[in-house]
């Protein structure tokens, strides 16, 4: 009989499927803020990150980690800390990429990739401790 795969394998695959959705949310918000209000990427990204974190929470909670029941306050706190760490990594890389002359879309992708490992591990912990 074949041994089942560890849960983190499926979780990491689903996490990878959620990432492009979060990217599109982030990019759409940033693009809208730039075109509608002329907001510079450095400032618009703060708003777009907030929107993408909210969407990411829902997708990761219910799809990636398949958490059930109502979210708890402890879970929300752990997620917020994990998201803040991911945002710090993400935003730092984003700003550096913009400073290097990369277009905003490439800078967003670079920030997301840099933060992916950190957030996967921390989000996994946030949703597994009930």
Protein backbone atom coordinates (compact mmCIF):
# COMPACT_ATOMS: atom_id res chain seq x y z
CA UNK A 1 0.00 0.00 0.00
CA UNK A 2 1.25 3.42 -0.98
CA UNK A 3 2.05 5.89 1.79
CA UNK A 4 -0.02 9.14 1.51
CA UNK A 5 1.81 12.34 0.70
CA UNK A 6 2.45 14.80 3.51
CA UNK A 7 -0.23 17.54 3.73
CA UNK A 8 2.25 20.32 2.98
CA UNK A 9 2.67 19.07 -0.58
CA UNK A 10 -0.97 19.65 -1.49
CA UNK A 11 -0.99 22.86 0.50
CA UNK A 12 2.04 24.20 -1.35
CA UNK A 13 0.47 23.33 -4.71
CA UNK A 14 -2.78 25.10 -3.77
CA UNK A 15 -0.76 28.03 -2.39
CA UNK A 16 0.88 28.27 -5.82
CA UNK A 17 -2.53 28.32 -7.50
CA UNK A 18 -3.75 31.10 -5.21
CA UNK A 19 -0.70 33.30 -5.81
CA UNK A 20 -1.63 34.33 -9.38
CA UNK A 21 -5.11 35.38 -8.21
CA UNK A 22 -3.60 37.49 -5.45
CA UNK A 23 -1.13 38.93 -7.96
CA UNK A 24 -3.96 39.94 -10.29
CA UNK A 25 -5.88 41.59 -7.44
CA UNK A 26 -2.73 43.48 -6.41
CA UNK A 27 -1.94 44.54 -9.99
CA UNK A 28 -5.54 45.57 -10.74
CA UNK A 29 -5.77 47.77 -7.65
CA UNK A 30 -2.35 49.33 -8.26
CA UNK A 31 -3.18 49.98 -11.93
CA UNK A 32 -6.57 51.48 -11.07
CA UNK A 33 -5.06 53.81 -8.48
CA UNK A 34 -2.40 54.94 -10.95
CA UNK A 35 -4.77 55.50 -13.86
CA UNK A 36 -7.72 56.97 -11.94
CA UNK A 37 -5.88 59.06 -9.35
CA UNK A 38 -2.32 59.34 -10.66
CA UNK A 39 -1.04 57.72 -7.48
CA UNK A 40 2.67 56.81 -7.58
CA UNK A 41 3.42 53.07 -7.33
CA UNK A 42 5.12 53.48 -3.92
CA UNK A 43 1.93 54.83 -2.37
CA UNK A 44 -0.59 52.87 -4.42
CA UNK A 45 1.13 49.64 -3.47
CA UNK A 46 0.23 50.14 0.17
CA UNK A 47 -3.46 50.10 -0.78
CA UNK A 48 -3.06 47.27 -3.29
CA UNK A 49 -1.25 45.16 -0.70
CA UNK A 50 -4.11 45.60 1.75
CA UNK A 51 -6.61 44.41 -0.86
CA UNK A 52 -4.49 41.46 -1.88
CA UNK A 53 -3.94 40.42 1.75
CA UNK A 54 -7.70 40.38 2.35
CA UNK A 55 -8.32 38.22 -0.72
CA UNK A 56 -5.32 36.07 0.16
CA UNK A 57 -6.63 35.44 3.65
CA UNK A 58 -9.90 34.07 2.35
CA UNK A 59 -8.40 31.98 -0.42
CA UNK A 60 -5.61 30.60 1.74
CA UNK A 61 -7.84 29.87 4.70
CA UNK A 62 -10.56 28.03 2.83
CA UNK A 63 -8.77 26.67 -0.25
CA UNK A 64 -5.04 26.30 0.47
CA UNK A 65 -5.20 25.10 4.07
CA UNK A 66 -8.84 23.98 4.07
CA UNK A 67 -9.56 25.43 7.48
CA UNK A 68 -13.07 24.76 8.70
CA UNK A 69 -15.36 26.59 11.05
CA UNK A 70 -15.29 30.22 11.91
CA UNK A 71 -11.98 32.02 12.10
CA UNK A 72 -10.75 32.59 15.64
CA UNK A 73 -9.16 35.74 17.00
CA UNK A 74 -5.91 33.82 17.61
CA UNK A 75 -5.91 32.65 14.01
CA UNK A 76 -6.51 36.19 12.79
CA UNK A 77 -3.62 37.49 14.94
CA UNK A 78 -1.24 34.81 13.64
CA UNK A 79 -2.31 35.56 10.08
CA UNK A 80 -1.85 39.31 10.60
CA UNK A 81 1.69 38.80 11.92
CA UNK A 82 2.52 36.47 9.03
CA UNK A 83 1.01 38.89 6.52
CA UNK A 84 2.92 41.83 8.03
CA UNK A 85 6.19 39.94 7.73
CA UNK A 86 5.35 38.95 4.16
CA UNK A 87 4.37 42.54 3.32
CA UNK A 88 7.65 43.85 4.75
CA UNK A 89 9.65 41.46 2.59
CA UNK A 90 7.37 42.03 -0.40
CA UNK A 91 7.40 45.82 -0.20
CA UNK A 92 11.16 46.03 0.39
CA UNK A 93 11.86 43.99 -2.72
CA UNK A 94 9.21 45.94 -4.68
CA UNK A 95 10.80 49.30 -3.82
CA UNK A 96 14.27 47.99 -4.67
CA UNK A 97 13.03 46.66 -8.01
CA UNK A 98 11.36 49.99 -8.86
CA UNK A 99 14.59 51.78 -7.93
CA UNK A 100 16.44 49.48 -10.32
CA UNK A 101 14.08 50.56 -13.10
CA UNK A 102 11.89 47.47 -13.37
CA UNK A 103 8.28 48.04 -14.46
CA UNK A 104 5.67 47.85 -11.70
CA UNK A 105 4.36 44.46 -12.85
CA UNK A 106 7.85 42.91 -12.61
CA UNK A 107 8.46 44.61 -9.26
CA UNK A 108 5.21 43.16 -7.87
CA UNK A 109 6.20 39.69 -9.07
CA UNK A 110 9.67 40.01 -7.51
CA UNK A 111 8.18 41.09 -4.19
CA UNK A 112 5.67 38.25 -4.19
CA UNK A 113 8.30 35.64 -4.99
CA UNK A 114 10.59 36.87 -2.24
CA UNK A 115 7.79 36.74 0.31
CA UNK A 116 6.24 33.43 -0.82
CA UNK A 117 8.31 31.07 1.30
CA UNK A 118 8.00 33.23 4.41
CA UNK A 119 4.25 33.59 4.08
CA UNK A 120 3.58 29.95 3.20
CA UNK A 121 5.31 28.74 6.34
CA UNK A 122 3.72 31.38 8.57
CA UNK A 123 0.22 31.04 7.05
CA UNK A 124 0.44 27.28 7.45
CA UNK A 125 1.17 27.79 11.14
CA UNK A 126 -1.64 30.36 11.46
CA UNK A 127 -4.27 27.97 10.14
CA UNK A 128 -3.03 24.79 11.79
CA UNK A 129 -3.20 25.93 15.44
CA UNK A 130 -6.84 25.85 16.44
